[in-house]
N, C-alpha and C. Protein backbone atom coordinates (compact mmCIF):
# COMPACT_ATOMS: atom_id res chain seq x y z
N UNK A 1 50.41 16.13 -16.25
CA UNK A 1 49.73 15.01 -15.35
C UNK A 1 50.68 13.85 -15.12
N UNK A 2 50.55 13.44 -13.77
CA UNK A 2 51.60 12.49 -13.51
C UNK A 2 51.20 10.99 -14.21
N UNK A 3 52.24 10.30 -14.72
CA UNK A 3 52.10 9.23 -15.41
C UNK A 3 51.09 7.92 -14.58
N UNK A 4 51.25 8.18 -13.30
CA UNK A 4 50.44 6.89 -12.50
C UNK A 4 49.00 7.16 -12.60
N UNK A 5 48.56 8.34 -12.88
CA UNK A 5 46.99 8.88 -13.09
C UNK A 5 46.60 8.29 -14.47
N UNK A 6 47.25 8.28 -15.51
CA UNK A 6 46.84 7.87 -16.91
C UNK A 6 46.24 6.74 -16.99
N UNK A 7 46.62 5.49 -16.36
CA UNK A 7 45.80 4.26 -16.65
C UNK A 7 44.47 4.40 -16.15
N UNK A 8 44.31 5.29 -14.97
CA UNK A 8 42.96 5.24 -14.27
C UNK A 8 41.94 6.09 -15.36
N UNK A 9 42.57 7.14 -15.81
CA UNK A 9 41.69 7.90 -16.74
C UNK A 9 41.34 7.25 -18.04
N UNK A 10 42.19 6.55 -18.56
CA UNK A 10 42.05 5.87 -19.66
C UNK A 10 40.91 4.71 -19.63
N UNK A 11 40.60 4.17 -18.49
CA UNK A 11 39.60 3.07 -18.20
C UNK A 11 38.20 3.73 -18.23
N UNK A 12 37.32 2.86 -18.97
CA UNK A 12 35.91 3.20 -19.01
C UNK A 12 35.29 3.32 -17.70
N UNK A 13 34.21 4.24 -17.49
CA UNK A 13 33.68 4.27 -16.09
C UNK A 13 33.15 3.06 -15.82
N UNK A 14 33.17 2.91 -14.35
CA UNK A 14 32.74 1.53 -13.89
C UNK A 14 31.45 1.83 -13.24
N UNK A 15 30.31 1.14 -13.44
CA UNK A 15 29.07 1.25 -12.70
C UNK A 15 29.09 0.96 -11.22
N UNK A 16 29.88 0.20 -10.82
CA UNK A 16 30.00 -0.24 -9.35
C UNK A 16 30.62 1.05 -8.55
N UNK A 17 31.19 2.02 -9.07
CA UNK A 17 31.83 3.10 -8.13
C UNK A 17 33.03 3.66 -8.89
N UNK A 18 33.78 4.32 -7.95
CA UNK A 18 34.86 4.95 -8.70
C UNK A 18 35.98 3.88 -8.89
N UNK A 19 37.04 4.13 -9.81
CA UNK A 19 37.94 2.87 -10.21
C UNK A 19 38.73 2.67 -8.81
N UNK A 20 39.29 1.45 -8.84
CA UNK A 20 39.67 0.86 -7.70
C UNK A 20 40.94 1.68 -7.04
N UNK A 21 41.68 2.56 -8.06
CA UNK A 21 42.90 3.32 -7.59
C UNK A 21 42.38 4.37 -6.58
N UNK A 22 41.18 4.82 -6.49
CA UNK A 22 40.82 5.77 -5.56
C UNK A 22 40.02 5.34 -4.37
N UNK A 23 40.59 5.72 -3.22
CA UNK A 23 39.86 5.37 -2.00
C UNK A 23 38.64 6.20 -1.78
N UNK A 24 37.67 5.54 -0.94
CA UNK A 24 36.60 6.32 -0.67
C UNK A 24 36.86 7.69 0.16
N UNK A 25 36.16 8.72 0.15
CA UNK A 25 36.47 9.94 0.88
C UNK A 25 36.53 9.56 2.39
N UNK A 26 37.28 10.33 3.08
CA UNK A 26 37.31 10.04 4.61
C UNK A 26 36.03 10.02 5.13
N UNK A 27 35.88 9.14 6.21
CA UNK A 27 34.52 9.07 6.88
C UNK A 27 33.29 8.55 6.18
N UNK A 28 33.53 8.00 4.85
CA UNK A 28 32.45 7.34 4.14
C UNK A 28 32.99 6.01 3.89
N UNK A 29 32.06 5.01 4.09
CA UNK A 29 32.27 3.64 3.71
C UNK A 29 31.59 3.37 2.43
N UNK A 30 31.58 2.29 2.08
CA UNK A 30 30.94 1.70 0.62
C UNK A 30 29.45 1.83 0.95
N UNK A 31 28.60 2.24 -0.18
CA UNK A 31 27.30 2.31 -0.10
C UNK A 31 26.52 1.22 0.25
N UNK A 32 25.52 0.95 0.92
CA UNK A 32 24.84 -0.18 1.34
C UNK A 32 24.16 -0.75 0.21
N UNK A 33 24.07 -1.88 0.09
CA UNK A 33 23.40 -2.73 -1.11
C UNK A 33 21.90 -2.49 -0.90
N UNK A 34 21.19 -2.10 -1.94
CA UNK A 34 19.70 -1.81 -1.85
C UNK A 34 19.16 -2.81 -2.87
N UNK A 35 18.45 -3.85 -2.52
CA UNK A 35 17.83 -4.81 -3.54
C UNK A 35 16.17 -4.29 -3.92
N UNK A 36 15.56 -5.16 -4.68
CA UNK A 36 14.20 -4.92 -5.14
C UNK A 36 13.45 -5.01 -4.00
N UNK A 37 12.37 -4.20 -3.84
CA UNK A 37 11.51 -4.48 -2.67
C UNK A 37 11.76 -3.78 -1.48
N UNK A 38 12.85 -3.06 -1.34
CA UNK A 38 13.43 -2.52 -0.25
C UNK A 38 13.10 -0.90 -0.43
N UNK A 39 12.54 -0.49 -1.31
CA UNK A 39 12.30 0.90 -1.62
C UNK A 39 10.88 1.43 -0.71
N UNK A 40 10.74 2.59 -0.48
CA UNK A 40 9.55 3.04 0.22
C UNK A 40 8.27 2.95 -0.76
N UNK A 41 7.19 2.54 -0.30
CA UNK A 41 6.09 2.77 -1.47
C UNK A 41 5.77 4.19 -1.64
N UNK A 42 5.24 4.52 -2.61
CA UNK A 42 4.76 6.03 -2.87
C UNK A 42 3.71 6.40 -1.79
N UNK A 43 3.84 7.69 -1.46
CA UNK A 43 2.68 7.97 -0.39
C UNK A 43 1.95 9.20 -1.07
N UNK A 44 0.84 8.76 -1.58
CA UNK A 44 0.09 9.88 -2.19
C UNK A 44 -0.93 10.49 -1.15
N UNK A 45 -1.85 11.09 -1.50
CA UNK A 45 -2.70 11.83 -0.62
C UNK A 45 -3.65 10.85 0.16
N UNK A 46 -3.88 11.31 1.42
CA UNK A 46 -4.83 10.31 2.23
C UNK A 46 -6.20 10.65 2.05
N UNK A 47 -7.05 9.80 2.01
CA UNK A 47 -8.36 9.83 1.96
C UNK A 47 -8.95 10.65 3.32
N UNK A 48 -10.15 11.13 3.02
CA UNK A 48 -10.87 11.69 4.21
C UNK A 48 -11.34 10.55 5.40
N UNK A 49 -11.43 11.03 6.58
CA UNK A 49 -12.02 10.15 7.43
C UNK A 49 -13.64 10.04 7.50
N UNK A 50 -14.03 8.93 7.53
CA UNK A 50 -15.61 8.79 7.32
C UNK A 50 -16.00 8.18 8.66
N UNK A 51 -16.92 8.69 9.21
CA UNK A 51 -17.71 8.12 10.39
C UNK A 51 -18.46 7.01 10.21
N UNK A 52 -18.19 5.82 10.98
CA UNK A 52 -18.71 4.56 10.97
C UNK A 52 -20.19 4.78 11.07
N UNK A 53 -20.72 5.41 11.75
CA UNK A 53 -22.25 5.67 12.18
C UNK A 53 -22.85 6.29 11.00
N UNK A 54 -22.36 7.32 10.33
CA UNK A 54 -22.76 7.95 9.18
C UNK A 54 -22.85 6.90 7.91
N UNK A 55 -21.81 6.11 7.85
CA UNK A 55 -21.69 5.31 6.78
C UNK A 55 -22.82 4.03 6.96
N UNK A 56 -22.93 3.71 8.30
CA UNK A 56 -24.14 2.57 8.46
C UNK A 56 -25.53 3.33 8.29
N UNK A 57 -25.62 4.50 8.54
CA UNK A 57 -26.96 5.21 8.45
C UNK A 57 -27.16 5.30 6.96
N UNK A 58 -26.24 5.60 6.13
CA UNK A 58 -26.37 5.75 4.78
C UNK A 58 -26.51 4.47 3.85
N UNK A 59 -25.86 3.54 4.54
CA UNK A 59 -26.07 2.00 3.97
C UNK A 59 -27.55 1.71 4.18
N UNK A 60 -28.02 1.77 5.32
CA UNK A 60 -29.27 1.57 5.61
C UNK A 60 -30.55 2.32 4.76
N UNK A 61 -30.30 3.53 4.87
CA UNK A 61 -31.23 4.53 4.01
C UNK A 61 -31.24 4.30 2.50
N UNK A 62 -29.93 3.95 2.04
CA UNK A 62 -29.99 3.67 0.56
C UNK A 62 -30.18 2.23 0.38
N UNK A 63 -30.54 1.41 1.29
CA UNK A 63 -30.66 -0.13 1.16
C UNK A 63 -29.53 -0.72 0.72
N UNK A 64 -28.38 -0.46 1.03
CA UNK A 64 -27.00 -0.94 0.74
C UNK A 64 -26.44 -0.68 -0.41
N UNK A 65 -26.91 0.34 -1.19
CA UNK A 65 -26.26 0.84 -2.37
C UNK A 65 -25.00 1.78 -1.84
N UNK A 66 -25.12 2.48 -0.95
CA UNK A 66 -24.01 3.22 -0.44
C UNK A 66 -22.76 2.35 -0.24
N UNK A 67 -22.83 1.19 0.07
CA UNK A 67 -21.72 0.30 0.36
C UNK A 67 -20.96 0.14 -0.89
N UNK A 68 -21.64 0.03 -2.02
CA UNK A 68 -20.84 0.02 -3.41
C UNK A 68 -19.90 1.14 -3.49
N UNK A 69 -20.60 2.21 -3.22
CA UNK A 69 -19.84 3.45 -3.38
C UNK A 69 -18.71 3.59 -2.36
N UNK A 70 -19.08 3.26 -1.26
CA UNK A 70 -18.06 3.12 -0.30
C UNK A 70 -16.85 2.30 -0.62
N UNK A 71 -17.22 0.96 -1.19
CA UNK A 71 -15.95 -0.05 -1.53
C UNK A 71 -15.29 0.81 -2.66
N UNK A 72 -16.00 1.36 -3.63
CA UNK A 72 -15.12 2.18 -4.59
C UNK A 72 -14.15 3.20 -4.34
N UNK A 73 -14.73 4.05 -3.24
CA UNK A 73 -13.94 5.18 -2.99
C UNK A 73 -12.72 4.65 -2.25
N UNK A 74 -13.13 3.80 -1.15
CA UNK A 74 -12.02 3.41 -0.30
C UNK A 74 -10.88 2.56 -1.09
N UNK A 75 -11.25 1.74 -2.27
CA UNK A 75 -10.27 1.13 -2.84
C UNK A 75 -9.53 2.03 -3.65
N UNK A 76 -10.27 3.05 -4.12
CA UNK A 76 -9.57 3.94 -4.91
C UNK A 76 -8.52 4.95 -4.35
N UNK A 77 -9.02 5.23 -3.15
CA UNK A 77 -7.96 6.14 -2.14
C UNK A 77 -6.72 5.35 -1.79
N UNK A 78 -6.89 4.01 -1.57
CA UNK A 78 -5.77 3.08 -1.12
C UNK A 78 -4.76 3.11 -2.45
N UNK A 79 -5.30 3.10 -3.53
CA UNK A 79 -4.56 2.81 -4.77
C UNK A 79 -3.84 4.29 -5.04
N UNK A 80 -4.41 5.40 -4.80
CA UNK A 80 -3.94 6.55 -4.98
C UNK A 80 -2.83 6.84 -3.97
N UNK A 81 -2.98 6.37 -2.77
CA UNK A 81 -2.12 6.79 -1.67
C UNK A 81 -0.79 5.78 -1.74
N UNK A 82 -1.07 4.60 -1.85
CA UNK A 82 0.06 3.43 -1.85
C UNK A 82 0.60 3.06 -3.33
N UNK A 83 -0.19 3.26 -4.39
CA UNK A 83 0.25 2.59 -5.64
C UNK A 83 0.02 1.35 -5.78
N UNK A 84 -0.56 0.46 -4.75
CA UNK A 84 -0.77 -0.91 -4.82
C UNK A 84 -2.42 -1.04 -4.42
N UNK A 85 -2.81 -2.17 -4.75
CA UNK A 85 -4.26 -2.66 -4.43
C UNK A 85 -5.09 -2.53 -5.74
N UNK A 86 -6.28 -2.90 -5.57
CA UNK A 86 -7.38 -3.21 -6.46
C UNK A 86 -7.57 -1.95 -7.59
N UNK A 87 -7.87 -0.95 -6.85
CA UNK A 87 -8.52 0.35 -7.46
C UNK A 87 -9.85 0.41 -7.29
N UNK A 88 -10.35 1.59 -7.40
CA UNK A 88 -11.77 1.48 -7.46
C UNK A 88 -12.72 0.81 -8.43
N UNK A 89 -12.51 1.01 -9.72
CA UNK A 89 -13.22 0.34 -10.72
C UNK A 89 -13.23 -1.18 -10.39
N UNK A 90 -12.11 -1.88 -10.48
CA UNK A 90 -12.14 -3.20 -10.22
C UNK A 90 -12.72 -3.64 -8.81
N UNK A 91 -12.54 -2.94 -7.75
CA UNK A 91 -13.35 -3.21 -6.55
C UNK A 91 -14.71 -3.23 -6.72
N UNK A 92 -15.17 -2.25 -7.46
CA UNK A 92 -16.67 -2.14 -7.60
C UNK A 92 -17.18 -3.30 -8.41
N UNK A 93 -16.49 -3.70 -9.44
CA UNK A 93 -16.84 -4.92 -10.11
C UNK A 93 -17.08 -6.29 -9.20
N UNK A 94 -15.80 -6.27 -8.58
CA UNK A 94 -15.75 -7.23 -7.52
C UNK A 94 -17.07 -7.25 -6.67
N UNK A 95 -17.16 -6.08 -6.15
CA UNK A 95 -18.38 -5.93 -5.10
C UNK A 95 -19.88 -6.32 -5.66
N UNK A 96 -19.98 -6.06 -7.18
CA UNK A 96 -21.24 -6.07 -7.81
C UNK A 96 -21.42 -7.84 -7.95
N UNK A 97 -20.24 -8.42 -8.44
CA UNK A 97 -20.38 -9.66 -8.76
C UNK A 97 -20.26 -10.59 -7.50
N UNK A 98 -19.19 -10.40 -6.85
CA UNK A 98 -18.89 -11.26 -5.46
C UNK A 98 -18.74 -10.39 -4.47
N UNK A 99 -20.14 -10.00 -4.01
CA UNK A 99 -20.43 -8.90 -2.97
C UNK A 99 -19.67 -9.59 -1.49
N UNK A 100 -19.60 -10.98 -1.48
CA UNK A 100 -19.39 -11.51 -0.09
C UNK A 100 -17.76 -11.31 0.14
N UNK A 101 -17.05 -11.33 -1.06
CA UNK A 101 -15.62 -11.08 -0.92
C UNK A 101 -15.08 -9.73 -0.59
N UNK A 102 -16.00 -8.69 -0.79
CA UNK A 102 -15.67 -7.29 -0.64
C UNK A 102 -15.00 -6.86 0.75
N UNK A 103 -15.80 -7.13 1.90
CA UNK A 103 -15.22 -6.88 3.18
C UNK A 103 -13.83 -7.59 3.45
N UNK A 104 -13.57 -8.86 2.95
CA UNK A 104 -12.48 -9.49 3.26
C UNK A 104 -11.25 -8.76 2.33
N UNK A 105 -11.44 -8.33 1.22
CA UNK A 105 -10.40 -7.68 0.19
C UNK A 105 -10.20 -6.37 0.88
N UNK A 106 -11.22 -5.67 1.40
CA UNK A 106 -10.86 -4.25 2.11
C UNK A 106 -10.08 -4.28 3.15
N UNK A 107 -10.31 -5.21 3.99
CA UNK A 107 -9.56 -5.29 5.30
C UNK A 107 -8.20 -5.77 5.11
N UNK A 108 -8.05 -6.68 4.15
CA UNK A 108 -6.67 -7.14 3.75
C UNK A 108 -6.04 -6.11 3.14
N UNK A 109 -6.43 -5.37 2.47
CA UNK A 109 -5.59 -4.06 1.72
C UNK A 109 -5.27 -3.12 2.86
N UNK A 110 -6.21 -2.93 3.82
CA UNK A 110 -5.88 -1.74 4.82
C UNK A 110 -4.94 -2.24 5.61
N UNK A 111 -4.75 -3.71 6.01
CA UNK A 111 -3.82 -4.30 6.91
C UNK A 111 -2.49 -4.16 6.09
N UNK A 112 -2.51 -4.45 4.75
CA UNK A 112 -1.14 -4.02 4.04
C UNK A 112 -0.71 -2.66 4.08
N UNK A 113 -1.52 -1.78 4.13
CA UNK A 113 -1.19 -0.34 4.10
C UNK A 113 -0.29 -0.25 5.39
N UNK A 114 -0.84 -0.88 6.52
CA UNK A 114 -0.12 -0.62 7.86
C UNK A 114 1.04 -1.36 7.86
N UNK A 115 1.07 -2.55 7.23
CA UNK A 115 2.35 -3.28 7.29
C UNK A 115 3.42 -2.73 6.42
N UNK A 116 3.14 -2.17 5.36
CA UNK A 116 4.05 -1.33 4.51
C UNK A 116 4.71 -0.21 5.17
N UNK A 117 3.70 0.57 6.13
CA UNK A 117 4.21 1.58 6.84
C UNK A 117 5.14 1.15 7.91
N UNK A 118 5.27 -0.04 8.21
CA UNK A 118 6.17 -0.71 9.29
C UNK A 118 5.41 -0.70 10.63
N UNK A 119 4.04 -0.61 10.63
CA UNK A 119 3.14 -0.71 11.79
C UNK A 119 2.44 -2.10 11.97
N UNK A 120 2.01 -2.35 13.06
CA UNK A 120 1.36 -3.57 13.34
C UNK A 120 -0.01 -3.67 12.50
N UNK A 121 -0.54 -4.57 12.08
CA UNK A 121 -1.70 -4.56 11.29
C UNK A 121 -2.85 -4.66 12.21
N UNK A 122 -3.69 -3.72 12.56
CA UNK A 122 -4.76 -3.86 13.24
C UNK A 122 -5.96 -4.78 12.71
N UNK A 123 -5.97 -4.99 11.19
CA UNK A 123 -7.01 -5.67 10.67
C UNK A 123 -6.23 -6.58 9.61
N UNK A 124 -6.85 -7.73 9.14
CA UNK A 124 -6.28 -8.56 8.13
C UNK A 124 -7.53 -9.00 7.35
N UNK A 125 -7.30 -10.00 6.61
CA UNK A 125 -8.35 -10.37 5.85
C UNK A 125 -9.38 -11.21 6.43
N UNK A 126 -9.09 -11.70 7.55
CA UNK A 126 -10.15 -12.29 8.47
C UNK A 126 -11.06 -11.41 9.18
N UNK A 127 -10.65 -10.19 9.24
CA UNK A 127 -11.57 -9.18 9.84
C UNK A 127 -13.10 -8.95 8.98
N UNK A 128 -12.96 -9.50 7.93
CA UNK A 128 -14.07 -9.40 7.16
C UNK A 128 -15.29 -10.51 7.60
N UNK A 129 -14.72 -11.35 8.55
CA UNK A 129 -15.84 -12.21 9.20
C UNK A 129 -16.79 -11.48 10.06
N UNK A 130 -16.23 -10.23 10.53
CA UNK A 130 -17.10 -9.48 11.38
C UNK A 130 -18.33 -8.88 10.34
N UNK A 131 -18.12 -8.95 9.24
CA UNK A 131 -19.33 -8.33 8.40
C UNK A 131 -20.17 -9.34 7.87
N UNK A 132 -19.58 -10.39 7.38
CA UNK A 132 -20.47 -11.39 6.65
C UNK A 132 -21.27 -12.33 7.69
N UNK A 133 -20.80 -12.93 8.74
CA UNK A 133 -21.57 -13.48 9.58
C UNK A 133 -22.31 -12.63 10.53
N UNK A 134 -21.68 -11.49 10.92
CA UNK A 134 -22.15 -10.42 11.57
C UNK A 134 -23.55 -9.98 10.88
N UNK A 135 -23.48 -9.94 9.63
CA UNK A 135 -24.58 -9.45 8.95
C UNK A 135 -25.84 -10.38 9.17
N UNK A 136 -25.54 -11.58 9.25
CA UNK A 136 -26.62 -12.64 9.37
C UNK A 136 -27.32 -12.48 10.81
N UNK A 137 -26.25 -12.22 11.87
CA UNK A 137 -26.76 -12.25 13.25
C UNK A 137 -27.04 -10.81 13.77
N UNK A 138 -26.76 -9.86 12.73
CA UNK A 138 -26.91 -8.31 13.23
C UNK A 138 -26.24 -7.85 14.31
N UNK A 139 -25.04 -8.37 14.58
CA UNK A 139 -24.27 -7.89 15.71
C UNK A 139 -22.88 -7.43 15.20
N UNK A 140 -22.37 -8.08 14.32
CA UNK A 140 -20.99 -7.76 13.63
C UNK A 140 -20.99 -6.23 13.18
N UNK A 141 -21.91 -5.91 12.36
CA UNK A 141 -21.72 -4.39 11.65
C UNK A 141 -21.84 -3.48 12.83
N UNK A 142 -22.48 -3.74 13.90
CA UNK A 142 -22.63 -2.64 14.82
C UNK A 142 -21.29 -2.57 15.77
N UNK A 143 -20.49 -3.66 15.94
CA UNK A 143 -19.39 -3.61 16.50
C UNK A 143 -18.33 -3.03 15.84
């Protein structure tokens, strides 16, 4: 072995890349720096599409009990798909105790899903205003 390689082999491996004595392979530059928060979110299974009319009918027939079930399922599906969010059990507890906050939380989390996917947010936390004041005037839920 040539003597000029011996000092490089005796050095401990460096976590930043190959020893400085070796150039990168032709056509390759240094690897781009990747920081925390730049990784793609995990993409689990998508939940089924639920028709708004069927959900409204079930909410009316069950006197609103279906809405608790819907909040649980939707938040649970968001958690399984993205790895973020409240999750079903915590969303159900919030819906039972602070029912007014549930539409705001759900629309906020759905908007976050779009944002993390790099798409424009069609809904935000303020979209919950369609449910709460809308329920008082009986127009918002049907829009």
